[in-house]
Every structure is written in C-alpha cells, then in structure tokens.
C-alpha cells in the first residue's frame, strides 16, 4: 500500500508538471494498462518529439526518492530487488514477463556490485518475438536503478524448428517448421535488442568470438534437446564472457512429457557431467525470496543458476547477502 501510494503521488506530481497537450488526458495518465502494463509511452500516446518515455522518466524520479526498503538496512538484497521489480512493471505474463524481469534484475544488481559496466542478456528461441520484446524493454527501465548497461541478444533459426533428430527432441510435441518468425516485422519493434538468425551450432561460436559483455541472464526456449545442448555451450565460454553466476530460465522442463532422458533436462544433465568447473543447478527456496504475489508461479521451478566456479570473481561478495556488513547489536 505504501508503494502504491508513493507511486501515485509521484505520478500525479509528475503529470502536473508536464505539457498535458503533448501527453494524455488525466484519465489516460493513470491507466496502468497504458503505462505500467508495458506499452511504450511513445506508442500509446504519440509523443512526437518527446523521445523519453513518460514511464521511464517517472521511474527515474521514483529511484531518486527514498524507497520503502533501503538496501543498506537489508540483511539480504531481495526485498530491495523485489521493490525494483514492482517499480519496473506490474509483473504480468504480458509484455513484461515476470521470470525475465526477475532474472535480469538479479544479473544487473550483481554486475553493479562487481563493478562491471555492462552485461548481456540472451534469449534462445525467439519464435514470434514476445519474449525478446519483453527483454528489449528492460535496459531503459532498469537504467533508473542500476549503472550497468544491458545488451539484449536473441537467437533463433528464423525458419522455424529444424527436423527433430530423435526421441530426445520430443517429436511427439514438435515438428519441423514450428514457430516460424517474421524477422522483418520483429526487428521493427525492437529498440535495443540484436536478433541473430541461424543454426545455434554456428551462431553461438561466432557470437562468443565477438567478445560480448559478460552474459548475466539466459532464457532457453529451443524446445529440442539437440538445439539446447548446442546453446549450452554459451555457458562453457571463457569466464570473462560470463558473470560468476548466470541466471537461467528453462522453458521446457515442467510437464508430464518432459523427463531426465530428453529435452532440456537431458541437456542440462550432460552439461554438468561434461564440465567440472561449470554446473547448472536449480535455485533452491526461490519462492521464499520473490515478491509474495509470485510465490505460486511455475517459473520459480524453471529458474536455475549456472555456476562458473573457475571465474576469478566467483568468490567475490556479490551483495545478495548483506548481514556481514551490519554491526552486531548485542542483546545478552
């Protein structure tokens, strides 16, 4: 309630200081579906010469104010990061995806704590493009909270799924040509993201050879075991191209068809067997750390961490646990 009251107060104060003729009516200004729901203000209100979205300007004002949860008072960082997620978006499965937003926020926070100026977030399996559009919206919105810049990259075959190779690709669920995209139409809707088309067995090595900023979040949605196994090579890259712990979302690991002998689950298991210094593990107890509105969501069981044990910063404090910085208040 305090957060909602503060948000509304900032919004009303900001609206009064704007040129009403250039933005929207009072009724439209307070419509959460127009602003908090995810639509860019330029699209919904036709701002013309006003290049900075109203919502992003409002987020910067909120960030400069006193948050209801101060990071320096927290024993753990997640109450503050949950507040950031509330500010950035309402957390629906619409244009701002909860799991994408949560993962990118964690990565941006850790990168800032490690004094890294830039990170990369990745989606494997772009299909129609809704997920990449959701990621594409985050760099500008999170700039109000973290100094780390965010690059967004999406990988896709472009022509739909390739033919499944064997039973491990779950041919009972998918077939060649599924999830074909309109690449030209999608690119017109992207502001920041880079779309890379082609076979991941070729595009991932080429991408790593370009020396991108360290990867901090990856969404895996390639459906097949074979494609996911190739994509996971990203997490075997030189440690300088990764955060010490990379937040990962796996789309196709829940459901009665999925099992440990095919699909993404098999790809994860084989990756862990093949790499002594890189391990992908579930995030245990995550539902106790996220916003209470999300604690029954299925995506909590789909989030993992890729641990880069050979990273020179793996043992460096990442700011997520903060009680070591608090003074001891003896009571006995």
C-alpha atoms as a PDB file:
ATOM      1  CA  UNK A   1       0.000   0.000   0.000  1.00  0.00           C
ATOM      2  CA  UNK A   2       2.819   2.411   0.818  1.00  0.00           C
ATOM      3  CA  UNK A   3       4.442   1.621  -2.511  1.00  0.00           C
ATOM      4  CA  UNK A   4       1.177   2.216  -4.396  1.00  0.00           C
ATOM      5  CA  UNK A   5       0.567   5.460  -2.527  1.00  0.00           C
ATOM      6  CA  UNK A   6       4.085   6.681  -3.273  1.00  0.00           C
ATOM      7  CA  UNK A   7       3.833   5.681  -6.917  1.00  0.00           C
ATOM      8  CA  UNK A   8       0.532   7.532  -7.350  1.00  0.00           C
ATOM      9  CA  UNK A   9       1.865  10.615  -5.579  1.00  0.00           C
ATOM     10  CA  UNK A  10       4.906  10.751  -7.843  1.00  0.00           C
ATOM     11  CA  UNK A  11       2.754  10.147 -10.908  1.00  0.00           C
ATOM     12  CA  UNK A  12       0.293  12.922 -10.080  1.00  0.00           C
ATOM     13  CA  UNK A  13       3.081  15.359  -9.228  1.00  0.00           C
ATOM     14  CA  UNK A  14       4.917  14.497 -12.429  1.00  0.00           C
ATOM     15  CA  UNK A  15       1.781  14.751 -14.553  1.00  0.00           C
ATOM     16  CA  UNK A  16       1.034  18.246 -13.259  1.00  0.00           C
ATOM     17  CA  UNK A  17       4.474  19.386 -14.401  1.00  0.00           C
ATOM     18  CA  UNK A  18       4.121  18.049 -17.950  1.00  0.00           C
ATOM     19  CA  UNK A  19       2.593  19.585 -21.043  1.00  0.00           C
ATOM     20  CA  UNK A  20      -0.827  17.942 -20.954  1.00  0.00           C
ATOM     21  CA  UNK A  21      -1.430  18.607 -24.624  1.00  0.00           C
ATOM     22  CA  UNK A  22       1.611  16.532 -25.557  1.00  0.00           C
ATOM     23  CA  UNK A  23       0.900  13.575 -23.303  1.00  0.00           C
ATOM     24  CA  UNK A  24      -2.509  12.227 -22.374  1.00  0.00           C
ATOM     25  CA  UNK A  25      -5.665  13.045 -20.509  1.00  0.00           C
ATOM     26  CA  UNK A  26      -5.829  12.661 -16.719  1.00  0.00           C
ATOM     27  CA  UNK A  27      -7.931   9.518 -17.164  1.00  0.00           C
ATOM     28  CA  UNK A  28      -5.397   8.046 -19.590  1.00  0.00           C
ATOM     29  CA  UNK A  29      -2.461   9.141 -17.456  1.00  0.00           C
ATOM     30  CA  UNK A  30      -3.487   6.949 -14.536  1.00  0.00           C
ATOM     31  CA  UNK A  31      -4.408   3.915 -16.658  1.00  0.00           C
ATOM     32  CA  UNK A  32      -1.986   1.139 -15.594  1.00  0.00           C
ATOM     33  CA  UNK A  33      -2.585  -0.808 -18.791  1.00  0.00           C
ATOM     34  CA  UNK A  34      -1.160   2.110 -20.768  1.00  0.00           C
ATOM     35  CA  UNK A  35       1.931   2.797 -18.695  1.00  0.00           C
ATOM     36  CA  UNK A  36       2.695   0.225 -16.013  1.00  0.00           C
ATOM     37  CA  UNK A  37       1.383  -2.601 -18.176  1.00  0.00           C
ATOM     38  CA  UNK A  38       4.258  -2.380 -20.574  1.00  0.00           C
ATOM     39  CA  UNK A  39       3.282  -0.391 -23.661  1.00  0.00           C
ATOM     40  CA  UNK A  40       5.890   2.226 -24.607  1.00  0.00           C
ATOM     41  CA  UNK A  41       4.518   5.682 -23.989  1.00  0.00           C
ATOM     42  CA  UNK A  42       5.552   6.807 -27.486  1.00  0.00           C
ATOM     43  CA  UNK A  43       3.310   4.104 -28.951  1.00  0.00           C
ATOM     44  CA  UNK A  44       0.287   4.661 -26.746  1.00  0.00           C
ATOM     45  CA  UNK A  45       0.304   8.458 -26.630  1.00  0.00           C
ATOM     46  CA  UNK A  46       2.066   9.603 -29.835  1.00  0.00           C
ATOM     47  CA  UNK A  47       4.524  11.895 -28.145  1.00  0.00           C
ATOM     48  CA  UNK A  48       6.127  13.101 -31.343  1.00  0.00           C
ATOM     49  CA  UNK A  49       9.287  14.983 -30.409  1.00  0.00           C
ATOM     50  CA  UNK A  50       9.294  13.761 -26.805  1.00  0.00           C
ATOM     51  CA  UNK A  51      11.869  10.983 -27.107  1.00  0.00           C
ATOM     52  CA  UNK A  52      11.989   9.867 -23.462  1.00  0.00           C
ATOM     53  CA  UNK A  53       9.092   7.628 -22.387  1.00  0.00           C
ATOM     54  CA  UNK A  54       6.964   9.064 -19.603  1.00  0.00           C
ATOM     55  CA  UNK A  55       7.165   5.869 -17.578  1.00  0.00           C
ATOM     56  CA  UNK A  56      10.955   5.807 -17.684  1.00  0.00           C
ATOM     57  CA  UNK A  57      11.121   9.433 -16.562  1.00  0.00           C
ATOM     58  CA  UNK A  58       8.765   8.599 -13.724  1.00  0.00           C
ATOM     59  CA  UNK A  59      10.902   5.604 -12.740  1.00  0.00           C
ATOM     60  CA  UNK A  60      13.962   7.829 -12.524  1.00  0.00           C
ATOM     61  CA  UNK A  61      12.073  10.181 -10.222  1.00  0.00           C
ATOM     62  CA  UNK A  62      10.975   7.294  -8.004  1.00  0.00           C
ATOM     63  CA  UNK A  63      14.543   5.970  -7.925  1.00  0.00           C
ATOM     64  CA  UNK A  64      15.816   9.326  -6.679  1.00  0.00           C
ATOM     65  CA  UNK A  65      13.255   9.304  -3.877  1.00  0.00           C
ATOM     66  CA  UNK A  66      13.529   7.240  -0.714  1.00  0.00           C
ATOM     67  CA  UNK A  67      12.474   3.621  -1.455  1.00  0.00           C
ATOM     68  CA  UNK A  68      10.231   1.863   1.098  1.00  0.00           C
ATOM     69  CA  UNK A  69      13.031  -0.704   1.519  1.00  0.00           C
ATOM     70  CA  UNK A  70      16.567   0.636   1.880  1.00  0.00           C
ATOM     71  CA  UNK A  71      19.300  -1.674   0.665  1.00  0.00           C
ATOM     72  CA  UNK A  72      21.649  -0.672   3.464  1.00  0.00           C
ATOM     73  CA  UNK A  73      19.069  -1.795   6.038  1.00  0.00           C
ATOM     74  CA  UNK A  74      18.504  -5.228   4.470  1.00  0.00           C
ATOM     75  CA  UNK A  75      20.007  -8.473   5.681  1.00  0.00           C
ATOM     76  CA  UNK A  76      19.509  -9.785   2.154  1.00  0.00           C
ATOM     77  CA  UNK A  77      19.159  -7.847  -1.079  1.00  0.00           C
ATOM     78  CA  UNK A  78      15.979  -9.474  -2.345  1.00  0.00           C
ATOM     79  CA  UNK A  79      13.450  -7.190  -0.534  1.00  0.00           C
ATOM     80  CA  UNK A  80      15.034  -4.235  -2.305  1.00  0.00           C
ATOM     81  CA  UNK A  81      15.199  -6.073  -5.638  1.00  0.00           C
ATOM     82  CA  UNK A  82      11.538  -7.060  -5.276  1.00  0.00           C
ATOM     83  CA  UNK A  83      10.737  -3.358  -4.869  1.00  0.00           C
ATOM     84  CA  UNK A  84      12.664  -2.655  -8.069  1.00  0.00           C
ATOM     85  CA  UNK A  85      10.583  -5.259  -9.892  1.00  0.00           C
ATOM     86  CA  UNK A  86       7.377  -3.677  -8.608  1.00  0.00           C
ATOM     87  CA  UNK A  87       8.521  -0.314  -9.937  1.00  0.00           C
ATOM     88  CA  UNK A  88       9.641  -1.622 -13.311  1.00  0.00           C
ATOM     89  CA  UNK A  89       6.411  -3.412 -14.128  1.00  0.00           C
ATOM     90  CA  UNK A  90       3.291  -4.962 -12.744  1.00  0.00           C
ATOM     91  CA  UNK A  91       4.770  -8.427 -13.265  1.00  0.00           C
ATOM     92  CA  UNK A  92       2.112  -9.978 -15.503  1.00  0.00           C
ATOM     93  CA  UNK A  93       2.801 -12.569 -18.158  1.00  0.00           C
ATOM     94  CA  UNK A  94       2.053  -9.899 -20.711  1.00  0.00           C
ATOM     95  CA  UNK A  95       4.744  -7.791 -22.332  1.00  0.00           C
ATOM     96  CA  UNK A  96       6.833  -7.688 -19.154  1.00  0.00           C
ATOM     97  CA  UNK A  97       7.453 -11.292 -18.216  1.00  0.00           C
ATOM     98  CA  UNK A  98       7.946 -11.927 -14.516  1.00  0.00           C
ATOM     99  CA  UNK A  99      10.698 -14.506 -14.936  1.00  0.00           C
ATOM    100  CA  UNK A 100      12.630 -12.431 -17.454  1.00  0.00           C
ATOM    101  CA  UNK A 101      12.322  -9.279 -15.369  1.00  0.00           C
ATOM    102  CA  UNK A 102      13.382 -11.063 -12.187  1.00  0.00           C
ATOM    103  CA  UNK A 103      16.411 -12.704 -13.801  1.00  0.00           C
ATOM    104  CA  UNK A 104      17.658  -9.541 -15.485  1.00  0.00           C
ATOM    105  CA  UNK A 105      17.239  -7.513 -12.279  1.00  0.00           C
ATOM    106  CA  UNK A 106      19.360 -10.023 -10.345  1.00  0.00           C
ATOM    107  CA  UNK A 107      22.044 -10.010 -13.040  1.00  0.00           C
ATOM    108  CA  UNK A 108      22.131  -6.213 -13.265  1.00  0.00           C
ATOM    109  CA  UNK A 109      22.400  -5.903  -9.481  1.00  0.00           C
ATOM    110  CA  UNK A 110      25.232  -8.430  -9.195  1.00  0.00           C
ATOM    111  CA  UNK A 111      27.091  -6.802 -12.082  1.00  0.00           C
ATOM    112  CA  UNK A 112      26.811  -3.419 -10.381  1.00  0.00           C
ATOM    113  CA  UNK A 113      28.129  -4.897  -7.124  1.00  0.00           C
ATOM    114  CA  UNK A 114      31.064  -6.387  -9.038  1.00  0.00           C
ATOM    115  CA  UNK A 115      31.715  -3.009 -10.725  1.00  0.00           C
ATOM    116  CA  UNK A 116      31.039  -4.400 -14.197  1.00  0.00           C
ATOM    117  CA  UNK A 117      29.924  -1.620 -16.559  1.00  0.00           C
ATOM    118  CA  UNK A 118      27.986  -3.802 -18.996  1.00  0.00           C
ATOM    119  CA  UNK A 119      26.286  -7.199 -19.280  1.00  0.00           C
ATOM    120  CA  UNK A 120      24.486  -9.207 -21.950  1.00  0.00           C
ATOM    121  CA  UNK A 121      21.117 -10.939 -21.580  1.00  0.00           C
ATOM    122  CA  UNK A 122      20.147 -13.642 -24.056  1.00  0.00           C
ATOM    123  CA  UNK A 123      17.046 -15.433 -25.300  1.00  0.00           C
ATOM    124  CA  UNK A 124      17.421 -18.711 -27.199  1.00  0.00           C
ATOM    125  CA  UNK A 125      14.282 -19.445 -29.201  1.00  0.00           C
ATOM    126  CA  UNK A 126      12.688 -16.130 -30.147  1.00  0.00           C
ATOM    127  CA  UNK A 127       9.788 -17.526 -32.241  1.00  0.00           C
ATOM    128  CA  UNK A 128       7.096 -14.824 -32.550  1.00  0.00           C
ATOM    129  CA  UNK A 129       9.210 -12.381 -30.566  1.00  0.00           C
ATOM    130  CA  UNK A 130       7.152 -11.617 -27.463  1.00  0.00           C
ATOM    131  CA  UNK A 131       9.922 -12.720 -25.125  1.00  0.00           C
ATOM    132  CA  UNK A 132      12.598 -10.719 -26.916  1.00  0.00           C
ATOM    133  CA  UNK A 133      10.347  -7.653 -26.890  1.00  0.00           C
ATOM    134  CA  UNK A 134       9.950  -8.125 -23.130  1.00  0.00           C
ATOM    135  CA  UNK A 135      13.740  -8.226 -22.723  1.00  0.00           C
ATOM    136  CA  UNK A 136      14.131  -5.279 -25.078  1.00  0.00           C
ATOM    137  CA  UNK A 137      12.078  -3.073 -22.757  1.00  0.00           C
ATOM    138  CA  UNK A 138      14.232  -3.719 -19.698  1.00  0.00           C
ATOM    139  CA  UNK A 139      17.521  -1.866 -20.389  1.00  0.00           C
ATOM    140  CA  UNK A 140      15.845   1.532 -20.453  1.00  0.00           C
ATOM    141  CA  UNK A 141      13.638   0.828 -17.454  1.00  0.00           C
ATOM    142  CA  UNK A 142      16.411  -0.605 -15.302  1.00  0.00           C
ATOM    143  CA  UNK A 143      18.730   2.295 -16.106  1.00  0.00           C
ATOM    144  CA  UNK A 144      16.877   4.185 -13.386  1.00  0.00           C
ATOM    145  CA  UNK A 145      18.117   1.697 -10.767  1.00  0.00           C
ATOM    146  CA  UNK A 146      21.463   0.239 -11.857  1.00  0.00           C
ATOM    147  CA  UNK A 147      24.510   1.833 -13.520  1.00  0.00           C
ATOM    148  CA  UNK A 148      25.284  -1.323 -15.507  1.00  0.00           C
ATOM    149  CA  UNK A 149      24.348  -1.135 -19.188  1.00  0.00           C
ATOM    150  CA  UNK A 150      22.416  -4.071 -20.650  1.00  0.00           C
ATOM    151  CA  UNK A 151      22.788  -5.548 -24.139  1.00  0.00           C
ATOM    152  CA  UNK A 152      19.974  -7.805 -25.388  1.00  0.00           C
ATOM    153  CA  UNK A 153      20.529 -10.624 -27.892  1.00  0.00           C
ATOM    154  CA  UNK A 154      18.053 -13.121 -29.326  1.00  0.00           C
ATOM    155  CA  UNK A 155      18.969 -16.341 -31.158  1.00  0.00           C
ATOM    156  CA  UNK A 156      16.618 -18.186 -33.481  1.00  0.00           C
ATOM    157  CA  UNK A 157      16.754 -20.379 -36.570  1.00  0.00           C
ATOM    158  CA  UNK A 158      14.398 -17.952 -38.292  1.00  0.00           C
ATOM    159  CA  UNK A 159      12.655 -20.580 -40.418  1.00  0.00           C
ATOM    160  CA  UNK A 160      11.015 -22.450 -37.561  1.00  0.00           C
ATOM    161  CA  UNK A 161      12.208 -25.557 -35.781  1.00  0.00           C
ATOM    162  CA  UNK A 162      14.546 -27.899 -37.664  1.00  0.00           C
ATOM    163  CA  UNK A 163      13.524 -31.563 -38.013  1.00  0.00           C
ATOM    164  CA  UNK A 164      13.816 -33.425 -34.683  1.00  0.00           C
ATOM    165  CA  UNK A 165      16.854 -35.708 -34.617  1.00  0.00           C
ATOM    166  CA  UNK A 166      15.469 -38.495 -32.431  1.00  0.00           C
ATOM    167  CA  UNK A 167      13.238 -39.206 -29.420  1.00  0.00           C
ATOM    168  CA  UNK A 168      15.342 -36.871 -27.254  1.00  0.00           C
ATOM    169  CA  UNK A 169      13.920 -33.902 -29.191  1.00  0.00           C
ATOM    170  CA  UNK A 170      10.348 -34.859 -28.175  1.00  0.00           C
ATOM    171  CA  UNK A 171       8.956 -35.325 -31.708  1.00  0.00           C
ATOM    172  CA  UNK A 172       5.581 -36.064 -30.107  1.00  0.00           C
ATOM    173  CA  UNK A 173       5.396 -32.366 -29.228  1.00  0.00           C
ATOM    174  CA  UNK A 174       7.181 -30.506 -32.023  1.00  0.00           C
ATOM    175  CA  UNK A 175       7.976 -30.877 -35.702  1.00  0.00           C
ATOM    176  CA  UNK A 176       9.961 -29.109 -38.406  1.00  0.00           C
ATOM    177  CA  UNK A 177       8.725 -25.617 -39.225  1.00  0.00           C
ATOM    178  CA  UNK A 178       7.005 -24.931 -35.904  1.00  0.00           C
ATOM    179  CA  UNK A 179       7.348 -21.369 -34.534  1.00  0.00           C
ATOM    180  CA  UNK A 180       8.375 -19.702 -37.773  1.00  0.00           C
ATOM    181  CA  UNK A 181       9.004 -15.965 -37.287  1.00  0.00           C
ATOM    182  CA  UNK A 182       8.537 -12.784 -39.277  1.00  0.00           C
ATOM    183  CA  UNK A 183      12.027 -11.403 -38.695  1.00  0.00           C
ATOM    184  CA  UNK A 184      11.476  -8.111 -40.521  1.00  0.00           C
ATOM    185  CA  UNK A 185       8.323  -7.303 -38.559  1.00  0.00           C
ATOM    186  CA  UNK A 186      10.020  -8.206 -35.283  1.00  0.00           C
ATOM    187  CA  UNK A 187      13.097  -6.067 -35.920  1.00  0.00           C
ATOM    188  CA  UNK A 188      10.852  -3.043 -36.447  1.00  0.00           C
ATOM    189  CA  UNK A 189       9.545  -3.464 -32.902  1.00  0.00           C
ATOM    190  CA  UNK A 190      12.957  -3.733 -31.237  1.00  0.00           C
ATOM    191  CA  UNK A 191      14.725  -0.725 -29.758  1.00  0.00           C
ATOM    192  CA  UNK A 192      17.834  -2.273 -28.225  1.00  0.00           C
ATOM    193  CA  UNK A 193      17.887  -5.995 -28.972  1.00  0.00           C
ATOM    194  CA  UNK A 194      20.024  -7.698 -31.584  1.00  0.00           C
ATOM    195  CA  UNK A 195      18.439 -10.630 -33.442  1.00  0.00           C
ATOM    196  CA  UNK A 196      20.826 -13.363 -34.637  1.00  0.00           C
ATOM    197  CA  UNK A 197      19.375 -15.915 -37.071  1.00  0.00           C
ATOM    198  CA  UNK A 198      20.811 -19.280 -37.994  1.00  0.00           C
ATOM    199  CA  UNK A 199      21.781 -22.649 -36.558  1.00  0.00           C
ATOM    200  CA  UNK A 200      22.906 -22.206 -32.941  1.00  0.00           C
ATOM    201  CA  UNK A 201      25.786 -24.610 -33.552  1.00  0.00           C
ATOM    202  CA  UNK A 202      27.218 -21.886 -35.801  1.00  0.00           C
ATOM    203  CA  UNK A 203      25.833 -18.647 -34.367  1.00  0.00           C
ATOM    204  CA  UNK A 204      26.879 -19.220 -30.753  1.00  0.00           C
ATOM    205  CA  UNK A 205      30.611 -19.702 -31.535  1.00  0.00           C
ATOM    206  CA  UNK A 206      30.536 -16.640 -33.800  1.00  0.00           C
ATOM    207  CA  UNK A 207      28.822 -14.622 -31.088  1.00  0.00           C
ATOM    208  CA  UNK A 208      31.409 -15.603 -28.480  1.00  0.00           C
ATOM    209  CA  UNK A 209      34.208 -14.759 -30.899  1.00  0.00           C
ATOM    210  CA  UNK A 210      32.868 -11.186 -30.983  1.00  0.00           C
ATOM    211  CA  UNK A 211      33.713 -10.864 -27.244  1.00  0.00           C
ATOM    212  CA  UNK A 212      30.357  -9.615 -25.937  1.00  0.00           C
ATOM    213  CA  UNK A 213      29.857  -8.115 -22.491  1.00  0.00           C
ATOM    214  CA  UNK A 214      29.571 -10.785 -19.773  1.00  0.00           C
ATOM    215  CA  UNK A 215      26.371 -12.800 -20.032  1.00  0.00           C
ATOM    216  CA  UNK A 216      24.225 -12.491 -16.909  1.00  0.00           C
ATOM    217  CA  UNK A 217      20.846 -13.959 -17.871  1.00  0.00           C
ATOM    218  CA  UNK A 218      19.839 -16.586 -20.428  1.00  0.00           C
ATOM    219  CA  UNK A 219      16.348 -17.800 -21.346  1.00  0.00           C
ATOM    220  CA  UNK A 220      16.419 -21.217 -23.007  1.00  0.00           C
ATOM    221  CA  UNK A 221      13.368 -21.949 -25.156  1.00  0.00           C
ATOM    222  CA  UNK A 222      14.704 -24.003 -28.070  1.00  0.00           C
ATOM    223  CA  UNK A 223      12.401 -26.949 -27.259  1.00  0.00           C
ATOM    224  CA  UNK A 224      14.773 -29.643 -28.563  1.00  0.00           C
ATOM    225  CA  UNK A 225      17.471 -31.484 -26.667  1.00  0.00           C
ATOM    226  CA  UNK A 226      19.838 -31.175 -29.640  1.00  0.00           C
ATOM    227  CA  UNK A 227      19.457 -27.402 -30.008  1.00  0.00           C
ATOM    228  CA  UNK A 228      19.648 -26.795 -26.251  1.00  0.00           C
ATOM    229  CA  UNK A 229      22.842 -28.849 -25.998  1.00  0.00           C
ATOM    230  CA  UNK A 230      24.463 -26.561 -28.566  1.00  0.00           C
ATOM    231  CA  UNK A 231      23.122 -23.421 -26.864  1.00  0.00           C
ATOM    232  CA  UNK A 232      24.525 -24.504 -23.505  1.00  0.00           C
ATOM    233  CA  UNK A 233      27.994 -24.123 -24.970  1.00  0.00           C
ATOM    234  CA  UNK A 234      27.489 -20.451 -24.211  1.00  0.00           C
ATOM    235  CA  UNK A 235      27.900 -21.331 -20.534  1.00  0.00           C
ATOM    236  CA  UNK A 236      31.184 -23.106 -21.285  1.00  0.00           C
ATOM    237  CA  UNK A 237      32.698 -19.924 -22.716  1.00  0.00           C
ATOM    238  CA  UNK A 238      35.735 -18.127 -21.356  1.00  0.00           C
ATOM    239  CA  UNK A 239      34.934 -16.957 -17.835  1.00  0.00           C
ATOM    240  CA  UNK A 240      35.460 -13.320 -18.804  1.00  0.00           C
ATOM    241  CA  UNK A 241      32.367 -13.587 -21.034  1.00  0.00           C
ATOM    242  CA  UNK A 242      30.111 -14.634 -18.147  1.00  0.00           C
ATOM    243  CA  UNK A 243      29.057 -13.431 -14.739  1.00  0.00           C
ATOM    244  CA  UNK A 244      30.314 -15.702 -11.941  1.00  0.00           C
ATOM    245  CA  UNK A 245      26.745 -16.977 -11.619  1.00  0.00           C
ATOM    246  CA  UNK A 246      24.487 -16.747 -14.663  1.00  0.00           C
ATOM    247  CA  UNK A 247      20.735 -16.656 -14.122  1.00  0.00           C
ATOM    248  CA  UNK A 248      18.981 -19.128 -16.423  1.00  0.00           C
ATOM    249  CA  UNK A 249      15.363 -19.835 -17.294  1.00  0.00           C
ATOM    250  CA  UNK A 250      14.438 -23.161 -18.920  1.00  0.00           C
ATOM    251  CA  UNK A 251      11.052 -23.098 -20.589  1.00  0.00           C
ATOM    252  CA  UNK A 252      10.515 -26.790 -21.274  1.00  0.00           C
ATOM    253  CA  UNK A 253      11.311 -28.739 -18.117  1.00  0.00           C
ATOM    254  CA  UNK A 254       7.884 -28.943 -16.432  1.00  0.00           C
ATOM    255  CA  UNK A 255       5.100 -31.261 -17.555  1.00  0.00           C
ATOM    256  CA  UNK A 256       4.332 -34.953 -17.780  1.00  0.00           C
ATOM    257  CA  UNK A 257       6.104 -35.384 -21.156  1.00  0.00           C
ATOM    258  CA  UNK A 258       9.426 -33.904 -20.049  1.00  0.00           C
ATOM    259  CA  UNK A 259      11.912 -36.219 -18.374  1.00  0.00           C
ATOM    260  CA  UNK A 260      15.570 -36.626 -17.491  1.00  0.00           C
ATOM    261  CA  UNK A 261      16.293 -38.566 -20.697  1.00  0.00           C
ATOM    262  CA  UNK A 262      15.320 -35.974 -23.290  1.00  0.00           C
ATOM    263  CA  UNK A 263      14.805 -32.280 -23.952  1.00  0.00           C
ATOM    264  CA  UNK A 264      16.298 -29.550 -21.812  1.00  0.00           C
ATOM    265  CA  UNK A 265      16.623 -31.757 -18.743  1.00  0.00           C
ATOM    266  CA  UNK A 266      18.922 -34.176 -20.529  1.00  0.00           C
ATOM    267  CA  UNK A 267      20.939 -31.297 -22.000  1.00  0.00           C
ATOM    268  CA  UNK A 268      21.441 -29.846 -18.505  1.00  0.00           C
ATOM    269  CA  UNK A 269      22.454 -33.208 -17.049  1.00  0.00           C
ATOM    270  CA  UNK A 270      25.001 -33.860 -19.793  1.00  0.00           C
ATOM    271  CA  UNK A 271      26.413 -30.341 -19.493  1.00  0.00           C
ATOM    272  CA  UNK A 272      27.027 -30.900 -15.784  1.00  0.00           C
ATOM    273  CA  UNK A 273      28.684 -34.248 -16.479  1.00  0.00           C
ATOM    274  CA  UNK A 274      30.993 -32.740 -19.091  1.00  0.00           C
ATOM    275  CA  UNK A 275      32.200 -29.669 -17.166  1.00  0.00           C
ATOM    276  CA  UNK A 276      33.986 -29.936 -13.843  1.00  0.00           C
ATOM    277  CA  UNK A 277      34.094 -26.166 -13.269  1.00  0.00           C
ATOM    278  CA  UNK A 278      30.636 -25.263 -14.628  1.00  0.00           C
ATOM    279  CA  UNK A 279      27.442 -26.563 -13.053  1.00  0.00           C
ATOM    280  CA  UNK A 280      23.793 -25.691 -13.654  1.00  0.00           C
ATOM    281  CA  UNK A 281      21.639 -26.032 -10.549  1.00  0.00           C
ATOM    282  CA  UNK A 282      18.100 -25.103  -9.502  1.00  0.00           C
ATOM    283  CA  UNK A 283      17.727 -22.079  -7.238  1.00  0.00           C
ATOM    284  CA  UNK A 284      16.520 -23.683  -4.034  1.00  0.00           C
ATOM    285  CA  UNK A 285      13.931 -21.873  -1.933  1.00  0.00           C
ATOM    286  CA  UNK A 286      13.370 -19.194  -4.561  1.00  0.00           C
ATOM    287  CA  UNK A 287       9.681 -18.860  -3.728  1.00  0.00           C
ATOM    288  CA  UNK A 288      10.684 -17.505  -0.312  1.00  0.00           C
ATOM    289  CA  UNK A 289      12.727 -14.718  -1.900  1.00  0.00           C
ATOM    290  CA  UNK A 290      10.456 -13.355  -4.636  1.00  0.00           C
ATOM    291  CA  UNK A 291       7.554 -10.957  -4.297  1.00  0.00           C
ATOM    292  CA  UNK A 292       4.703 -12.646  -2.433  1.00  0.00           C
ATOM    293  CA  UNK A 293       2.453 -12.242  -5.486  1.00  0.00           C
ATOM    294  CA  UNK A 294       4.645 -14.653  -7.451  1.00  0.00           C
ATOM    295  CA  UNK A 295       5.148 -17.441  -4.913  1.00  0.00           C
ATOM    296  CA  UNK A 296       2.762 -19.886  -6.595  1.00  0.00           C
ATOM    297  CA  UNK A 297       4.133 -19.280 -10.103  1.00  0.00           C
ATOM    298  CA  UNK A 298       5.515 -22.226 -12.072  1.00  0.00           C
ATOM    299  CA  UNK A 299       8.520 -20.243 -13.340  1.00  0.00           C
ATOM    300  CA  UNK A 300      10.105 -20.422  -9.897  1.00  0.00           C
ATOM    301  CA  UNK A 301      10.843 -24.093 -10.612  1.00  0.00           C
ATOM    302  CA  UNK A 302      12.247 -23.213 -14.032  1.00  0.00           C
ATOM    303  CA  UNK A 303      14.904 -20.781 -12.800  1.00  0.00           C
ATOM    304  CA  UNK A 304      18.459 -22.078 -12.427  1.00  0.00           C
ATOM    305  CA  UNK A 305      21.925 -20.718 -11.752  1.00  0.00           C
ATOM    306  CA  UNK A 306      24.901 -21.625 -13.896  1.00  0.00           C
ATOM    307  CA  UNK A 307      27.850 -21.600 -11.501  1.00  0.00           C
ATOM    308  CA  UNK A 308      31.152 -20.615 -13.106  1.00  0.00           C
ATOM    309  CA  UNK A 309      33.468 -21.988 -10.429  1.00  0.00           C
ATOM    310  CA  UNK A 310      36.606 -21.049 -12.345  1.00  0.00           C
ATOM    311  CA  UNK A 311      35.560 -17.390 -12.613  1.00  0.00           C
ATOM    312  CA  UNK A 312      38.075 -15.091 -10.870  1.00  0.00           C
ATOM    313  CA  UNK A 313      35.168 -13.235  -9.221  1.00  0.00           C
ATOM    314  CA  UNK A 314      33.206 -16.301  -8.133  1.00  0.00           C
ATOM    315  CA  UNK A 315      34.241 -15.830  -4.500  1.00  0.00           C
ATOM    316  CA  UNK A 316      33.844 -12.056  -4.562  1.00  0.00           C
ATOM    317  CA  UNK A 317      30.923 -10.674  -2.473  1.00  0.00           C
ATOM    318  CA  UNK A 318      28.022 -10.090  -4.854  1.00  0.00           C
ATOM    319  CA  UNK A 319      25.857  -8.053  -2.476  1.00  0.00           C
ATOM    320  CA  UNK A 320      22.970 -10.521  -2.285  1.00  0.00           C
ATOM    321  CA  UNK A 321      23.763 -11.393   1.340  1.00  0.00           C
ATOM    322  CA  UNK A 322      24.416  -8.241   3.322  1.00  0.00           C
ATOM    323  CA  UNK A 323      24.310  -9.174   7.016  1.00  0.00           C
ATOM    324  CA  UNK A 324      28.112  -9.312   7.175  1.00  0.00           C
ATOM    325  CA  UNK A 325      28.147  -5.545   6.696  1.00  0.00           C
ATOM    326  CA  UNK A 326      25.779  -4.833   9.582  1.00  0.00           C
ATOM    327  CA  UNK A 327      27.117  -4.035  13.077  1.00  0.00           C
ATOM    328  CA  UNK A 328      26.496  -6.523  15.861  1.00  0.00           C
ATOM    329  CA  UNK A 329      23.775  -5.413  18.255  1.00  0.00           C
ATOM    330  CA  UNK A 330      24.428  -7.471  21.374  1.00  0.00           C
ATOM    331  CA  UNK A 331      21.306  -8.269  23.392  1.00  0.00           C
ATOM    332  CA  UNK A 332      22.821 -10.531  26.035  1.00  0.00           C
END
